[in-house]
């Protein structure tokens, strides 16, 4: 794991803390773009969400047509 990966996920974690709500890959992409980061791959956006869930920061939710994450203490 590179320093860039860690820094990118810290930006995401800060945004999740500040904004709350449901987080999808598209919302992650918009957050990275707003932060001036060039992260063009959906695989990376999804991977960052999965990693934060694995680390216990996010909770994963799935419906037949949608997957999203919420902050652990905001979990439903």
N, C-alpha and C. Protein backbone atom coordinates (compact mmCIF):
# COMPACT_ATOMS: atom_id res chain seq x y z
N UNK A 1 0.86 -1.17 0.00
CA UNK A 1 0.00 0.00 0.00
C UNK A 1 0.90 1.23 0.00
N UNK A 2 0.59 2.13 -0.90
CA UNK A 2 1.43 3.32 -1.03
C UNK A 2 0.90 4.46 -0.17
N UNK A 3 1.74 5.45 -0.01
CA UNK A 3 1.34 6.65 0.73
C UNK A 3 0.17 7.34 0.04
N UNK A 4 0.16 7.30 -1.29
CA UNK A 4 -0.94 7.91 -2.05
C UNK A 4 -2.26 7.20 -1.74
N UNK A 5 -2.23 5.86 -1.63
CA UNK A 5 -3.43 5.10 -1.29
C UNK A 5 -3.96 5.50 0.08
N UNK A 6 -3.07 5.57 1.04
CA UNK A 6 -3.45 5.94 2.41
C UNK A 6 -4.00 7.36 2.44
N UNK A 7 -3.33 8.27 1.78
CA UNK A 7 -3.78 9.68 1.75
C UNK A 7 -5.15 9.81 1.11
N UNK A 8 -5.36 9.06 0.03
CA UNK A 8 -6.65 9.11 -0.67
C UNK A 8 -7.76 8.59 0.24
N UNK A 9 -7.52 7.49 0.93
CA UNK A 9 -8.54 6.95 1.83
C UNK A 9 -8.78 7.84 3.03
N UNK A 10 -7.77 8.56 3.48
CA UNK A 10 -7.97 9.52 4.57
C UNK A 10 -8.87 10.66 4.12
N UNK A 11 -8.71 11.10 2.89
CA UNK A 11 -9.59 12.14 2.33
C UNK A 11 -11.03 11.62 2.30
N UNK A 12 -11.20 10.38 1.87
CA UNK A 12 -12.53 9.79 1.83
C UNK A 12 -13.13 9.67 3.24
N UNK A 13 -12.35 9.18 4.19
CA UNK A 13 -12.84 9.02 5.56
C UNK A 13 -13.25 10.37 6.16
N UNK A 14 -12.47 11.40 5.89
CA UNK A 14 -12.82 12.74 6.38
C UNK A 14 -14.14 13.22 5.77
N UNK A 15 -14.34 12.96 4.49
CA UNK A 15 -15.58 13.36 3.82
C UNK A 15 -16.77 12.60 4.40
N UNK A 16 -16.60 11.32 4.65
CA UNK A 16 -17.68 10.52 5.23
C UNK A 16 -18.03 11.05 6.61
N UNK A 17 -17.02 11.37 7.41
CA UNK A 17 -17.27 11.94 8.75
C UNK A 17 -18.03 13.25 8.66
N UNK A 18 -17.62 14.10 7.74
CA UNK A 18 -18.20 15.44 7.62
C UNK A 18 -19.62 15.41 7.03
N UNK A 19 -19.85 14.53 6.06
CA UNK A 19 -21.12 14.56 5.32
C UNK A 19 -22.11 13.49 5.74
N UNK A 20 -21.62 12.35 6.23
CA UNK A 20 -22.51 11.25 6.60
C UNK A 20 -23.28 10.74 5.40
N UNK A 21 -24.35 9.99 5.67
CA UNK A 21 -25.22 9.51 4.61
C UNK A 21 -24.73 8.25 3.93
N UNK A 22 -25.31 7.98 2.78
CA UNK A 22 -25.00 6.79 2.00
C UNK A 22 -23.87 7.07 1.02
N UNK A 23 -22.92 6.14 0.95
CA UNK A 23 -21.76 6.31 0.08
C UNK A 23 -21.72 5.21 -0.97
N UNK A 24 -21.71 5.64 -2.22
CA UNK A 24 -21.59 4.74 -3.37
C UNK A 24 -20.29 5.06 -4.09
N UNK A 25 -19.95 4.22 -5.05
CA UNK A 25 -18.73 4.47 -5.83
C UNK A 25 -18.80 5.82 -6.53
N UNK A 26 -19.96 6.16 -7.05
CA UNK A 26 -20.10 7.44 -7.75
C UNK A 26 -19.90 8.62 -6.80
N UNK A 27 -20.39 8.51 -5.59
CA UNK A 27 -20.19 9.60 -4.63
C UNK A 27 -18.71 9.73 -4.26
N UNK A 28 -18.03 8.60 -4.17
CA UNK A 28 -16.59 8.63 -3.90
C UNK A 28 -15.87 9.35 -5.04
N UNK A 29 -16.23 9.03 -6.29
CA UNK A 29 -15.61 9.67 -7.45
C UNK A 29 -15.78 11.18 -7.40
N UNK A 30 -16.99 11.62 -7.07
CA UNK A 30 -17.26 13.06 -6.98
C UNK A 30 -16.43 13.70 -5.87
N UNK A 31 -16.30 13.00 -4.77
CA UNK A 31 -15.51 13.51 -3.63
C UNK A 31 -14.05 13.66 -4.03
N UNK A 32 -13.50 12.65 -4.69
CA UNK A 32 -12.11 12.71 -5.12
C UNK A 32 -11.90 13.85 -6.13
N UNK A 33 -12.84 13.98 -7.05
CA UNK A 33 -12.74 15.04 -8.05
C UNK A 33 -12.76 16.42 -7.37
N UNK A 34 -13.64 16.59 -6.40
CA UNK A 34 -13.75 17.86 -5.68
C UNK A 34 -12.48 18.16 -4.88
N UNK A 35 -11.78 17.10 -4.47
CA UNK A 35 -10.54 17.27 -3.71
C UNK A 35 -9.33 17.46 -4.64
N UNK A 36 -9.57 17.44 -5.96
CA UNK A 36 -8.48 17.64 -6.91
C UNK A 36 -7.69 16.39 -7.22
N UNK A 37 -8.24 15.23 -6.88
CA UNK A 37 -7.55 13.96 -7.14
C UNK A 37 -7.98 13.38 -8.48
N UNK A 38 -7.04 12.80 -9.19
CA UNK A 38 -7.33 12.14 -10.46
C UNK A 38 -7.36 10.63 -10.19
N UNK A 39 -8.56 10.13 -9.90
CA UNK A 39 -8.75 8.70 -9.61
C UNK A 39 -9.85 8.21 -10.55
N UNK A 40 -9.47 7.78 -11.77
CA UNK A 40 -10.47 7.53 -12.80
C UNK A 40 -11.15 6.16 -12.75
N UNK A 41 -10.67 5.23 -11.94
CA UNK A 41 -11.19 3.86 -12.01
C UNK A 41 -12.23 3.54 -10.95
N UNK A 42 -13.37 3.05 -11.40
CA UNK A 42 -14.44 2.61 -10.49
C UNK A 42 -13.92 1.53 -9.53
N UNK A 43 -13.03 0.69 -10.03
CA UNK A 43 -12.43 -0.36 -9.19
C UNK A 43 -11.76 0.25 -7.96
N UNK A 44 -11.09 1.36 -8.13
CA UNK A 44 -10.41 2.04 -7.02
C UNK A 44 -11.43 2.62 -6.05
N UNK A 45 -12.48 3.23 -6.58
CA UNK A 45 -13.51 3.82 -5.72
C UNK A 45 -14.15 2.75 -4.86
N UNK A 46 -14.51 1.63 -5.49
CA UNK A 46 -15.12 0.51 -4.76
C UNK A 46 -14.14 -0.09 -3.76
N UNK A 47 -12.91 -0.22 -4.19
CA UNK A 47 -11.88 -0.79 -3.30
C UNK A 47 -11.67 0.05 -2.05
N UNK A 48 -11.70 1.35 -2.21
CA UNK A 48 -11.53 2.23 -1.05
C UNK A 48 -12.69 2.08 -0.07
N UNK A 49 -13.91 1.96 -0.59
CA UNK A 49 -15.07 1.73 0.27
C UNK A 49 -14.95 0.38 0.99
N UNK A 50 -14.57 -0.65 0.25
CA UNK A 50 -14.40 -1.98 0.86
C UNK A 50 -13.33 -1.96 1.94
N UNK A 51 -12.24 -1.26 1.67
CA UNK A 51 -11.14 -1.20 2.64
C UNK A 51 -11.59 -0.51 3.93
N UNK A 52 -12.30 0.61 3.80
CA UNK A 52 -12.78 1.31 5.00
C UNK A 52 -13.80 0.46 5.76
N UNK A 53 -14.57 -0.36 5.05
CA UNK A 53 -15.49 -1.28 5.73
C UNK A 53 -14.72 -2.38 6.45
N UNK A 54 -13.71 -2.91 5.82
CA UNK A 54 -12.88 -3.96 6.42
C UNK A 54 -12.18 -3.45 7.68
N UNK A 55 -11.82 -2.17 7.67
CA UNK A 55 -11.15 -1.56 8.82
C UNK A 55 -12.13 -1.15 9.91
N UNK A 56 -13.44 -1.36 9.67
CA UNK A 56 -14.44 -1.09 10.69
C UNK A 56 -14.99 0.32 10.71
N UNK A 57 -14.67 1.12 9.71
CA UNK A 57 -15.14 2.50 9.67
C UNK A 57 -16.52 2.61 9.00
N UNK A 58 -16.77 1.76 8.01
CA UNK A 58 -18.03 1.78 7.26
C UNK A 58 -18.78 0.46 7.43
N UNK A 59 -20.08 0.51 7.22
CA UNK A 59 -20.93 -0.68 7.18
C UNK A 59 -21.48 -0.81 5.77
N UNK A 60 -21.40 -2.01 5.23
CA UNK A 60 -21.88 -2.27 3.87
C UNK A 60 -23.36 -2.66 3.90
N UNK A 61 -24.12 -2.13 2.96
CA UNK A 61 -25.54 -2.44 2.81
C UNK A 61 -25.76 -2.87 1.36
N UNK A 62 -26.58 -3.91 1.18
CA UNK A 62 -26.86 -4.37 -0.18
C UNK A 62 -28.35 -4.59 -0.37
N UNK A 63 -28.81 -4.19 -1.52
CA UNK A 63 -30.16 -4.51 -1.98
C UNK A 63 -29.97 -5.20 -3.32
N UNK A 64 -31.00 -5.78 -3.88
CA UNK A 64 -30.81 -6.45 -5.17
C UNK A 64 -30.22 -5.55 -6.26
N UNK A 65 -30.51 -4.26 -6.22
CA UNK A 65 -30.06 -3.39 -7.31
C UNK A 65 -29.01 -2.38 -6.88
N UNK A 66 -28.59 -2.42 -5.62
CA UNK A 66 -27.72 -1.33 -5.15
C UNK A 66 -26.86 -1.76 -3.98
N UNK A 67 -25.63 -1.26 -3.96
CA UNK A 67 -24.72 -1.45 -2.83
C UNK A 67 -24.27 -0.07 -2.37
N UNK A 68 -24.31 0.15 -1.06
CA UNK A 68 -23.83 1.41 -0.52
C UNK A 68 -23.27 1.17 0.87
N UNK A 69 -22.57 2.16 1.36
CA UNK A 69 -21.93 2.09 2.67
C UNK A 69 -22.36 3.29 3.50
N UNK A 70 -22.40 3.07 4.82
CA UNK A 70 -22.63 4.17 5.76
C UNK A 70 -21.56 4.12 6.83
N UNK A 71 -21.38 5.23 7.48
CA UNK A 71 -20.43 5.29 8.59
C UNK A 71 -20.90 4.32 9.68
N UNK A 72 -19.97 3.61 10.27
CA UNK A 72 -20.31 2.56 11.23
C UNK A 72 -21.26 3.06 12.31
N UNK A 73 -21.03 4.22 12.87
CA UNK A 73 -21.91 4.70 13.94
C UNK A 73 -23.23 5.26 13.41
N UNK A 74 -23.37 5.35 12.08
CA UNK A 74 -24.63 5.76 11.46
C UNK A 74 -25.40 4.54 10.94
N UNK A 75 -24.85 3.34 11.19
CA UNK A 75 -25.41 2.13 10.60
C UNK A 75 -26.87 1.95 10.98
N UNK A 76 -27.60 1.39 10.02
CA UNK A 76 -29.04 1.19 10.22
C UNK A 76 -29.28 -0.04 11.05
